[in-house]
Amino acid sequence: MTEKPIGKITSYFSKVEVAAIDLTDDLKVGDKIHIKGNTTDFEQVVKSMQIDRVDVEEAGDGDSVGIKVKDKVRQGDIVYKG
């Protein structure tokens, strides 16, 4: 199965290790994502997700979500789901 882009990193909060992602497709807790950029390249499972500091199980096109990430990400990195 090929990965498809589902969003883009808009910001990263290093103190809490949270990435803000503008979604262009569906994302659910439990999905495996791949974040890739010039110096970013890792995969992880989405363990929790928030919209406006409220926990959600899923989000979709047009939503801006925050997820905890295991490594530093940068603005403009692309988020894939595979």
PDB file of N, CA and C in Angstrom:
ATOM      1  N   MET A   1       0.846  -1.188   0.000  1.00  0.00           N
ATOM      2  CA  MET A   1       0.000   0.000   0.000  1.00  0.00           C
ATOM      3  C   MET A   1       0.887   1.245   0.000  1.00  0.00           C
ATOM      4  N   THR A   2       0.609   2.165  -0.882  1.00  0.00           N
ATOM      5  CA  THR A   2       1.431   3.366  -0.949  1.00  0.00           C
ATOM      6  C   THR A   2       0.930   4.405   0.040  1.00  0.00           C
ATOM      7  N   GLU A   3       1.860   5.212   0.506  1.00  0.00           N
ATOM      8  CA  GLU A   3       1.491   6.272   1.438  1.00  0.00           C
ATOM      9  C   GLU A   3       0.883   7.430   0.667  1.00  0.00           C
ATOM     10  N   LYS A   4      -0.085   8.083   1.297  1.00  0.00           N
ATOM     11  CA  LYS A   4      -0.640   9.263   0.651  1.00  0.00           C
ATOM     12  C   LYS A   4      -0.550  10.442   1.620  1.00  0.00           C
ATOM     13  N   PRO A   5      -0.268  11.630   1.089  1.00  0.00           N
ATOM     14  CA  PRO A   5      -0.159  12.798   1.956  1.00  0.00           C
ATOM     15  C   PRO A   5      -1.523  13.162   2.532  1.00  0.00           C
ATOM     16  N   ILE A   6      -1.565  13.419   3.837  1.00  0.00           N
ATOM     17  CA  ILE A   6      -2.837  13.762   4.480  1.00  0.00           C
ATOM     18  C   ILE A   6      -2.764  15.099   5.201  1.00  0.00           C
ATOM     19  N   GLY A   7      -1.605  15.764   5.163  1.00  0.00           N
ATOM     20  CA  GLY A   7      -1.518  17.044   5.846  1.00  0.00           C
ATOM     21  C   GLY A   7      -0.108  17.593   5.876  1.00  0.00           C
ATOM     22  N   LYS A   8      -0.011  18.775   6.487  1.00  0.00           N
ATOM     23  CA  LYS A   8       1.267  19.475   6.549  1.00  0.00           C
ATOM     24  C   LYS A   8       1.461  20.047   7.952  1.00  0.00           C
ATOM     25  N   ILE A   9       2.704  19.972   8.441  1.00  0.00           N
ATOM     26  CA  ILE A   9       3.028  20.549   9.750  1.00  0.00           C
ATOM     27  C   ILE A   9       2.983  22.069   9.644  1.00  0.00           C
ATOM     28  N   THR A  10       2.242  22.700  10.562  1.00  0.00           N
ATOM     29  CA  THR A  10       2.203  24.167  10.574  1.00  0.00           C
ATOM     30  C   THR A  10       3.044  24.745  11.702  1.00  0.00           C
ATOM     31  N   SER A  11       3.210  23.985  12.794  1.00  0.00           N
ATOM     32  CA  SER A  11       4.094  24.428  13.868  1.00  0.00           C
ATOM     33  C   SER A  11       4.446  23.260  14.783  1.00  0.00           C
ATOM     34  N   TYR A  12       5.476  23.490  15.597  1.00  0.00           N
ATOM     35  CA  TYR A  12       5.962  22.466  16.525  1.00  0.00           C
ATOM     36  C   TYR A  12       6.221  23.119  17.873  1.00  0.00           C
ATOM     37  N   PHE A  13       5.706  22.513  18.917  1.00  0.00           N
ATOM     38  CA  PHE A  13       5.867  23.030  20.275  1.00  0.00           C
ATOM     39  C   PHE A  13       6.810  22.106  21.026  1.00  0.00           C
ATOM     40  N   SER A  14       8.087  22.515  21.111  1.00  0.00           N
ATOM     41  CA  SER A  14       9.126  21.620  21.618  1.00  0.00           C
ATOM     42  C   SER A  14       8.952  21.277  23.093  1.00  0.00           C
ATOM     43  N   LYS A  15       8.423  22.196  23.903  1.00  0.00           N
ATOM     44  CA  LYS A  15       8.276  21.916  25.341  1.00  0.00           C
ATOM     45  C   LYS A  15       7.340  20.750  25.598  1.00  0.00           C
ATOM     46  N   VAL A  16       6.292  20.629  24.786  1.00  0.00           N
ATOM     47  CA  VAL A  16       5.321  19.545  24.985  1.00  0.00           C
ATOM     48  C   VAL A  16       5.412  18.485  23.888  1.00  0.00           C
ATOM     49  N   GLU A  17       6.356  18.687  22.929  1.00  0.00           N
ATOM     50  CA  GLU A  17       6.574  17.750  21.824  1.00  0.00           C
ATOM     51  C   GLU A  17       5.288  17.478  21.053  1.00  0.00           C
ATOM     52  N   VAL A  18       4.608  18.561  20.702  1.00  0.00           N
ATOM     53  CA  VAL A  18       3.353  18.461  19.959  1.00  0.00           C
ATOM     54  C   VAL A  18       3.507  19.161  18.608  1.00  0.00           C
ATOM     55  N   ALA A  19       2.992  18.498  17.572  1.00  0.00           N
ATOM     56  CA  ALA A  19       2.989  19.069  16.227  1.00  0.00           C
ATOM     57  C   ALA A  19       1.576  19.501  15.884  1.00  0.00           C
ATOM     58  N   ALA A  20       1.456  20.694  15.283  1.00  0.00           N
ATOM     59  CA  ALA A  20       0.172  21.140  14.747  1.00  0.00           C
ATOM     60  C   ALA A  20       0.142  20.778  13.268  1.00  0.00           C
ATOM     61  N   ILE A  21      -0.932  20.115  12.856  1.00  0.00           N
ATOM     62  CA  ILE A  21      -1.051  19.625  11.483  1.00  0.00           C
ATOM     63  C   ILE A  21      -2.349  20.134  10.871  1.00  0.00           C
ATOM     64  N   ASP A  22      -2.245  20.745   9.686  1.00  0.00           N
ATOM     65  CA  ASP A  22      -3.429  21.079   8.892  1.00  0.00           C
ATOM     66  C   ASP A  22      -3.734  19.877   8.016  1.00  0.00           C
ATOM     67  N   LEU A  23      -4.891  19.263   8.236  1.00  0.00           N
ATOM     68  CA  LEU A  23      -5.243  18.037   7.524  1.00  0.00           C
ATOM     69  C   LEU A  23      -5.921  18.311   6.189  1.00  0.00           C
ATOM     70  N   THR A  24      -5.620  17.449   5.213  1.00  0.00           N
ATOM     71  CA  THR A  24      -6.301  17.472   3.920  1.00  0.00           C
ATOM     72  C   THR A  24      -7.054  16.156   3.701  1.00  0.00           C
ATOM     73  N   ASP A  25      -7.020  15.277   4.706  1.00  0.00           N
ATOM     74  CA  ASP A  25      -7.700  13.986   4.624  1.00  0.00           C
ATOM     75  C   ASP A  25      -7.973  13.492   6.041  1.00  0.00           C
ATOM     76  N   ASP A  26      -8.623  12.336   6.154  1.00  0.00           N
ATOM     77  CA  ASP A  26      -8.994  11.806   7.462  1.00  0.00           C
ATOM     78  C   ASP A  26      -7.794  11.279   8.237  1.00  0.00           C
ATOM     79  N   LEU A  27      -7.850  11.433   9.561  1.00  0.00           N
ATOM     80  CA  LEU A  27      -6.854  10.876  10.466  1.00  0.00           C
ATOM     81  C   LEU A  27      -7.560  10.438  11.737  1.00  0.00           C
ATOM     82  N   LYS A  28      -7.207   9.232  12.206  1.00  0.00           N
ATOM     83  CA  LYS A  28      -7.824   8.688  13.416  1.00  0.00           C
ATOM     84  C   LYS A  28      -6.748   8.275  14.410  1.00  0.00           C
ATOM     85  N   VAL A  29      -7.113   8.271  15.690  1.00  0.00           N
ATOM     86  CA  VAL A  29      -6.230   7.714  16.710  1.00  0.00           C
ATOM     87  C   VAL A  29      -6.022   6.241  16.366  1.00  0.00           C
ATOM     88  N   GLY A  30      -4.770   5.804  16.399  1.00  0.00           N
ATOM     89  CA  GLY A  30      -4.440   4.428  16.028  1.00  0.00           C
ATOM     90  C   GLY A  30      -3.847   4.315  14.630  1.00  0.00           C
ATOM     91  N   ASP A  31      -4.021   5.366  13.810  1.00  0.00           N
ATOM     92  CA  ASP A  31      -3.426   5.363  12.472  1.00  0.00           C
ATOM     93  C   ASP A  31      -1.909   5.472  12.557  1.00  0.00           C
ATOM     94  N   LYS A  32      -1.241   4.824  11.610  1.00  0.00           N
ATOM     95  CA  LYS A  32       0.211   4.954  11.501  1.00  0.00           C
ATOM     96  C   LYS A  32       0.510   6.071  10.511  1.00  0.00           C
ATOM     97  N   ILE A  33       1.352   7.015  10.938  1.00  0.00           N
ATOM     98  CA  ILE A  33       1.700   8.134  10.062  1.00  0.00           C
ATOM     99  C   ILE A  33       3.203   8.164   9.823  1.00  0.00           C
ATOM    100  N   HIS A  34       3.577   8.829   8.759  1.00  0.00           N
ATOM    101  CA  HIS A  34       4.985   9.001   8.381  1.00  0.00           C
ATOM    102  C   HIS A  34       5.172  10.497   8.150  1.00  0.00           C
ATOM    103  N   ILE A  35       6.077  11.108   8.917  1.00  0.00           N
ATOM    104  CA  ILE A  35       6.344  12.537   8.774  1.00  0.00           C
ATOM    105  C   ILE A  35       7.682  12.695   8.070  1.00  0.00           C
ATOM    106  N   LYS A  36       7.655  13.427   6.957  1.00  0.00           N
ATOM    107  CA  LYS A  36       8.854  13.537   6.129  1.00  0.00           C
ATOM    108  C   LYS A  36       9.078  14.979   5.699  1.00  0.00           C
ATOM    109  N   GLY A  37      10.331  15.395   5.786  1.00  0.00           N
ATOM    110  CA  GLY A  37      10.731  16.728   5.343  1.00  0.00           C
ATOM    111  C   GLY A  37      12.201  16.708   4.983  1.00  0.00           C
ATOM    112  N   ASN A  38      12.814  17.879   4.857  1.00  0.00           N
ATOM    113  CA  ASN A  38      14.236  17.955   4.498  1.00  0.00           C
ATOM    114  C   ASN A  38      15.120  17.210   5.490  1.00  0.00           C
ATOM    115  N   THR A  39      14.845  17.374   6.789  1.00  0.00           N
ATOM    116  CA  THR A  39      15.661  16.715   7.808  1.00  0.00           C
ATOM    117  C   THR A  39      14.813  15.846   8.737  1.00  0.00           C
ATOM    118  N   THR A  40      13.563  15.667   8.407  1.00  0.00           N
ATOM    119  CA  THR A  40      12.636  14.873   9.223  1.00  0.00           C
ATOM    120  C   THR A  40      12.269  13.617   8.452  1.00  0.00           C
ATOM    121  N   ASP A  41      12.260  12.464   9.138  1.00  0.00           N
ATOM    122  CA  ASP A  41      11.831  11.230   8.486  1.00  0.00           C
ATOM    123  C   ASP A  41      11.614  10.156   9.548  1.00  0.00           C
ATOM    124  N   PHE A  42      10.378  10.013  10.017  1.00  0.00           N
ATOM    125  CA  PHE A  42      10.081   8.958  10.987  1.00  0.00           C
ATOM    126  C   PHE A  42       8.615   8.570  10.900  1.00  0.00           C
ATOM    127  N   GLU A  43       8.339   7.374  11.433  1.00  0.00           N
ATOM    128  CA  GLU A  43       6.970   6.865  11.482  1.00  0.00           C
ATOM    129  C   GLU A  43       6.551   6.697  12.923  1.00  0.00           C
ATOM    130  N   GLN A  44       5.267   6.838  13.183  1.00  0.00           N
ATOM    131  CA  GLN A  44       4.735   6.583  14.516  1.00  0.00           C
ATOM    132  C   GLN A  44       3.240   6.338  14.415  1.00  0.00           C
ATOM    133  N   VAL A  45       2.681   5.812  15.503  1.00  0.00           N
ATOM    134  CA  VAL A  45       1.240   5.613  15.593  1.00  0.00           C
ATOM    135  C   VAL A  45       0.661   6.797  16.356  1.00  0.00           C
ATOM    136  N   VAL A  46      -0.472   7.304  15.888  1.00  0.00           N
ATOM    137  CA  VAL A  46      -1.145   8.419  16.562  1.00  0.00           C
ATOM    138  C   VAL A  46      -1.791   7.878  17.837  1.00  0.00           C
ATOM    139  N   LYS A  47      -1.280   8.313  18.995  1.00  0.00           N
ATOM    140  CA  LYS A  47      -1.804   7.819  20.276  1.00  0.00           C
ATOM    141  C   LYS A  47      -2.908   8.710  20.816  1.00  0.00           C
ATOM    142  N   SER A  48      -2.827  10.009  20.503  1.00  0.00           N
ATOM    143  CA  SER A  48      -3.877  10.935  20.912  1.00  0.00           C
ATOM    144  C   SER A  48      -3.851  12.127  19.979  1.00  0.00           C
ATOM    145  N   MET A  49      -4.980  12.808  19.923  1.00  0.00           N
ATOM    146  CA  MET A  49      -5.116  13.922  18.994  1.00  0.00           C
ATOM    147  C   MET A  49      -6.066  14.938  19.614  1.00  0.00           C
ATOM    148  N   GLN A  50      -5.775  16.214  19.389  1.00  0.00           N
ATOM    149  CA  GLN A  50      -6.628  17.254  19.940  1.00  0.00           C
ATOM    150  C   GLN A  50      -6.969  18.300  18.888  1.00  0.00           C
ATOM    151  N   ILE A  51      -8.159  18.851  19.010  1.00  0.00           N
ATOM    152  CA  ILE A  51      -8.558  20.031  18.251  1.00  0.00           C
ATOM    153  C   ILE A  51      -8.934  21.082  19.296  1.00  0.00           C
ATOM    154  N   ASP A  52      -8.274  22.220  19.258  1.00  0.00           N
ATOM    155  CA  ASP A  52      -8.513  23.288  20.246  1.00  0.00           C
ATOM    156  C   ASP A  52      -8.444  22.752  21.682  1.00  0.00           C
ATOM    157  N   ARG A  53      -7.430  21.961  21.960  1.00  0.00           N
ATOM    158  CA  ARG A  53      -7.141  21.397  23.286  1.00  0.00           C
ATOM    159  C   ARG A  53      -8.217  20.442  23.810  1.00  0.00           C
ATOM    160  N   VAL A  54      -9.057  19.931  22.906  1.00  0.00           N
ATOM    161  CA  VAL A  54     -10.070  18.942  23.272  1.00  0.00           C
ATOM    162  C   VAL A  54      -9.715  17.634  22.581  1.00  0.00           C
ATOM    163  N   ASP A  55      -9.650  16.535  23.355  1.00  0.00           N
ATOM    164  CA  ASP A  55      -9.319  15.230  22.772  1.00  0.00           C
ATOM    165  C   ASP A  55     -10.379  14.805  21.770  1.00  0.00           C
ATOM    166  N   VAL A  56      -9.908  14.321  20.612  1.00  0.00           N
ATOM    167  CA  VAL A  56     -10.811  13.783  19.583  1.00  0.00           C
ATOM    168  C   VAL A  56     -10.258  12.442  19.119  1.00  0.00           C
ATOM    169  N   GLU A  57     -11.151  11.590  18.620  1.00  0.00           N
ATOM    170  CA  GLU A  57     -10.747  10.280  18.111  1.00  0.00           C
ATOM    171  C   GLU A  57     -10.417  10.333  16.624  1.00  0.00           C
ATOM    172  N   GLU A  58     -11.043  11.277  15.917  1.00  0.00           N
ATOM    173  CA  GLU A  58     -10.775  11.395  14.490  1.00  0.00           C
ATOM    174  C   GLU A  58     -10.992  12.826  14.035  1.00  0.00           C
ATOM    175  N   ALA A  59     -10.368  13.152  12.911  1.00  0.00           N
ATOM    176  CA  ALA A  59     -10.491  14.485  12.320  1.00  0.00           C
ATOM    177  C   ALA A  59     -10.394  14.330  10.808  1.00  0.00           C
ATOM    178  N   GLY A  60     -10.722  15.395  10.079  1.00  0.00           N
ATOM    179  CA  GLY A  60     -10.740  15.279   8.623  1.00  0.00           C
ATOM    180  C   GLY A  60     -10.252  16.526   7.919  1.00  0.00           C
ATOM    181  N   ASP A  61     -10.487  16.547   6.625  1.00  0.00           N
ATOM    182  CA  ASP A  61     -10.053  17.622   5.749  1.00  0.00           C
ATOM    183  C   ASP A  61     -10.488  18.978   6.307  1.00  0.00           C
ATOM    184  N   GLY A  62      -9.536  19.889   6.420  1.00  0.00           N
ATOM    185  CA  GLY A  62      -9.834  21.231   6.912  1.00  0.00           C
ATOM    186  C   GLY A  62      -9.606  21.408   8.400  1.00  0.00           C
ATOM    187  N   ASP A  63      -9.475  20.297   9.135  1.00  0.00           N
ATOM    188  CA  ASP A  63      -9.217  20.396  10.577  1.00  0.00           C
ATOM    189  C   ASP A  63      -7.742  20.671  10.843  1.00  0.00           C
ATOM    190  N   SER A  64      -7.490  21.395  11.907  1.00  0.00           N
ATOM    191  CA  SER A  64      -6.124  21.595  12.387  1.00  0.00           C
ATOM    192  C   SER A  64      -6.014  20.858  13.713  1.00  0.00           C
ATOM    193  N   VAL A  65      -5.133  19.859  13.770  1.00  0.00           N
ATOM    194  CA  VAL A  65      -5.030  19.013  14.966  1.00  0.00           C
ATOM    195  C   VAL A  65      -3.646  19.124  15.587  1.00  0.00           C
ATOM    196  N   GLY A  66      -3.588  18.794  16.857  1.00  0.00           N
ATOM    197  CA  GLY A  66      -2.317  18.675  17.552  1.00  0.00           C
ATOM    198  C   GLY A  66      -2.109  17.229  17.929  1.00  0.00           C
ATOM    199  N   ILE A  67      -0.910  16.697  17.625  1.00  0.00           N
ATOM    200  CA  ILE A  67      -0.585  15.343  18.066  1.00  0.00           C
ATOM    201  C   ILE A  67       0.799  15.339  18.691  1.00  0.00           C
ATOM    202  N   LYS A  68       0.947  14.470  19.686  1.00  0.00           N
ATOM    203  CA  LYS A  68       2.259  14.312  20.317  1.00  0.00           C
ATOM    204  C   LYS A  68       3.152  13.529  19.362  1.00  0.00           C
ATOM    205  N   VAL A  69       4.364  14.026  19.134  1.00  0.00           N
ATOM    206  CA  VAL A  69       5.286  13.356  18.218  1.00  0.00           C
ATOM    207  C   VAL A  69       6.530  12.917  18.962  1.00  0.00           C
ATOM    208  N   LYS A  70       7.155  11.840  18.461  1.00  0.00           N
ATOM    209  CA  LYS A  70       8.307  11.264  19.161  1.00  0.00           C
ATOM    210  C   LYS A  70       9.620  11.933  18.792  1.00  0.00           C
ATOM    211  N   ASP A  71       9.597  12.800  17.782  1.00  0.00           N
ATOM    212  CA  ASP A  71      10.817  13.464  17.337  1.00  0.00           C
ATOM    213  C   ASP A  71      10.452  14.875  16.887  1.00  0.00           C
ATOM    214  N   LYS A  72      11.460  15.716  16.742  1.00  0.00           N
ATOM    215  CA  LYS A  72      11.229  17.092  16.311  1.00  0.00           C
ATOM    216  C   LYS A  72      10.733  17.119  14.867  1.00  0.00           C
ATOM    217  N   VAL A  73       9.741  17.961  14.615  1.00  0.00           N
ATOM    218  CA  VAL A  73       9.256  18.181  13.254  1.00  0.00           C
ATOM    219  C   VAL A  73       9.398  19.661  12.928  1.00  0.00           C
ATOM    220  N   ARG A  74       9.297  19.976  11.654  1.00  0.00           N
ATOM    221  CA  ARG A  74       9.487  21.351  11.222  1.00  0.00           C
ATOM    222  C   ARG A  74       8.320  21.811  10.369  1.00  0.00           C
ATOM    223  N   GLN A  75       8.071  23.100  10.395  1.00  0.00           N
ATOM    224  CA  GLN A  75       7.005  23.689   9.589  1.00  0.00           C
ATOM    225  C   GLN A  75       7.219  23.322   8.122  1.00  0.00           C
ATOM    226  N   GLY A  76       6.163  22.863   7.479  1.00  0.00           N
ATOM    227  CA  GLY A  76       6.256  22.478   6.075  1.00  0.00           C
ATOM    228  C   GLY A  76       6.492  20.997   5.850  1.00  0.00           C
ATOM    229  N   ASP A  77       6.870  20.240   6.912  1.00  0.00           N
ATOM    230  CA  ASP A  77       7.014  18.787   6.763  1.00  0.00           C
ATOM    231  C   ASP A  77       5.654  18.207   6.359  1.00  0.00           C
ATOM    232  N   ILE A  78       5.701  17.161   5.536  1.00  0.00           N
ATOM    233  CA  ILE A  78       4.472  16.528   5.042  1.00  0.00           C
ATOM    234  C   ILE A  78       4.154  15.300   5.891  1.00  0.00           C
ATOM    235  N   VAL A  79       2.862  15.143   6.195  1.00  0.00           N
ATOM    236  CA  VAL A  79       2.396  13.995   6.963  1.00  0.00           C
ATOM    237  C   VAL A  79       1.717  13.024   6.005  1.00  0.00           C
ATOM    238  N   TYR A  80       2.177  11.769   6.026  1.00  0.00           N
ATOM    239  CA  TYR A  80       1.614  10.722   5.179  1.00  0.00           C
ATOM    240  C   TYR A  80       0.939   9.671   6.040  1.00  0.00           C
ATOM    241  N   LYS A  81      -0.056   8.992   5.466  1.00  0.00           N
ATOM    242  CA  LYS A  81      -0.668   7.849   6.117  1.00  0.00           C
ATOM    243  C   LYS A  81      -0.517   6.676   5.175  1.00  0.00           C
ATOM    244  N   GLY A  82      -0.071   5.525   5.712  1.00  0.00           N
ATOM    245  CA  GLY A  82       0.232   4.424   4.817  1.00  0.00           C
ATOM    246  C   GLY A  82      -0.462   3.142   5.128  1.00  0.00           C
TER     247      GLY A  82
END
